[in-house]
Amino acid sequence: MLLSWRVRVSPRQTIAWTVSLGLGATFCFFFWVLLAHPWRWEAVAPYAGNLLAGWGMTLAVSAAALLMTVAIAGALTAGQLSAFAVPRALSRFYVEIVRGTPLLTQILIGFYLLAPVLKIENRFVVGVAILSAFAGAYLSEIFRGGILSIPKSQWEAARAIGLTGAQTYRYVVIPQAVRRVLPATAGQFANLVKDSSLLYVIGLGEFTMQAREVNAHTYATFESYVPLALGYLALTLPISFASRWMEERFRYEH
């Protein structure tokens, strides 16, 4: 079976993208010229392997955290929409506590207080767990908002044709909610990738930590952090493009 993937691009979109890229390239060129910085790429070249290893660690942390975040968000969303008061209250309490405190504080508490109690010494595992617990609270609110945005008439129509609660969610609510939450979900995933940079405070050798160490050894600040910015773009832009593609796939006429 052959799978076809077609993207519809109008002439207006083509012109808009061409102009935008041209203006961006022009800005970067003049910024590069006006900055007149004596670039010292030879100073950071010996540390290219360190930066690549850090980028790989960030990729691994982000991928694991993304999967775990979706699971946590799904559980919290189910809890907040539960017909029972206890799971609703517990889920809401968790979401408010996590969203009301800084991620950096949660990382420090999780690593230095909770991890020793739970006998977890692996920094990767601790980092992924904390990052997922944090992002899951935000993503659950996105999921909850998407589900509650479905008009009441859709729920009533599903009951009228004899669908059960589970069938209503599966065939009526979730397909519509997915399209509505895609942009915000993609944004949260991109934030998760960038938030992983804070894991350097627990000594995890991710991308930001490696760039900081290269800068400390070479004193080549721009040369250390320009690859850092480009590396994060290489991780977040595919998320944005995938989200746009999925929006097209899930598009339907009202």
Foldseek 3Di string as FASTA:
>chain_A
DDDDADDDDDPVNVVVVVVVVVVVVVVVVVVVVVVPDPADLVLCVVLVVLLVVQLVLLVVLLVLLVVLLVVLLVQLLCQCPDPDDVSNVVSVVLLCVLVVDDLLVLLCCQQVPVCVVVVHDDLSVSLSVSLSSNLSSVVNVLLNVLQVPPDPVLVVVCVVVPHDPVRSCVPPRVLRSCLVSLVVSLVSSLVSSVVSLSSVVVVDSHNNVSLVVSCVVRVRNCSSCVVVVVSSCVVSVVSVVVSVSVNVVSDDDD
